[in-house]
Amino acid sequence: MRGVHLTCLAAIVAAGCASQPAPAPVFPGGDLIDLTHSLGSDTIFWPTAARFELAKVADGVTDKGYYYAANSFRTEEHGGTHVDAPIHFGAGRQTVDAIPLERLVARAVVVDVSERAARDRDYQVTVDDFGRFEQDHGPIEPNTIVLIRTGFSARWPDAEQYLGTTERGPQAVPLLHFPRLHPDAARWLIDNRQPAAVGIDTASIDYGQSTMFETHRFLSDQNIPGFENLTALERLPATGAFVIALPMKIAGGSGGPIRAIAIVPPPD
């Protein structure tokens, strides 16, 4: 959709503007890109997590003659396209309802490691990858959402291709194989670039067979949320996109589903 011009942040994050609003950031015009996998029966979850369930409550014409539909659903916090709130791996850190909006609505960069990940499904994004990105596109500015494109979203929802296994339960965890952000690179990013959030198009920002989850822990310690199971990152430019990734506002939650979108300005 060309020329989308959103002029009031509150219209997106608070369902309306005040009658005399204070000056607010102006979103860029451009194309809207959906970065979110739909939640459904084929949604990929961690092997030890329960799958998404949707149950019909009503679906038909009522006794008063009008059609009515309603469903109930059950889901884990961490499945499909979702956010890891800092408390997920950080005691006393922010719950999902306490994440500042500035970490969920911000400019974004896309660091593309898809060629390396295609050759090595256990590829770990390094500090050198960020160095190569900055050589081509300039420094990553503070308070930017850093998105890592591995290309694995093209494998969704084939669990064998996406996760490395179709098995379920604790015995499946050692069989997981997908790329991640190396802890050393995460620490460098935190110490030197202060990102608003970090996202990836795989099931975890830590690699599949991780047992210590160092990358999660480094980010959580600094109250930096992580977005997982993103999609369509190939449609975003390396720089210039504006990302909105708003989660369900679960009181005390350690994470939750997000509807992540990007606004991509038209070429100059």
Foldseek 3Di string as FASTA:
>chain_A
DFFDWAQAPCCVVVVDADPDHDHHDTDFTFDKFWFFDDQDQLWDDAQAFDHKDKAWPAAAADPVGHTDTDIDIDGDQQTGWKKQWLVNQDPPFDAQLRQDQLLQWFWEFEQEPQVVCVVFFAAADDLVSQVVLCVVPNHQAASYEYEYENPLLVVPPVCCSQFVDPHHDPVCQQRGTGYAHDLNNLLCCCVPHHYSAYEYQHSDNHGRNDDPNNSSNNCSVVRHMYIYNTDDPVVAHRGDKIKHWRFDNDVRHSMHHTGMMIGHHDDD
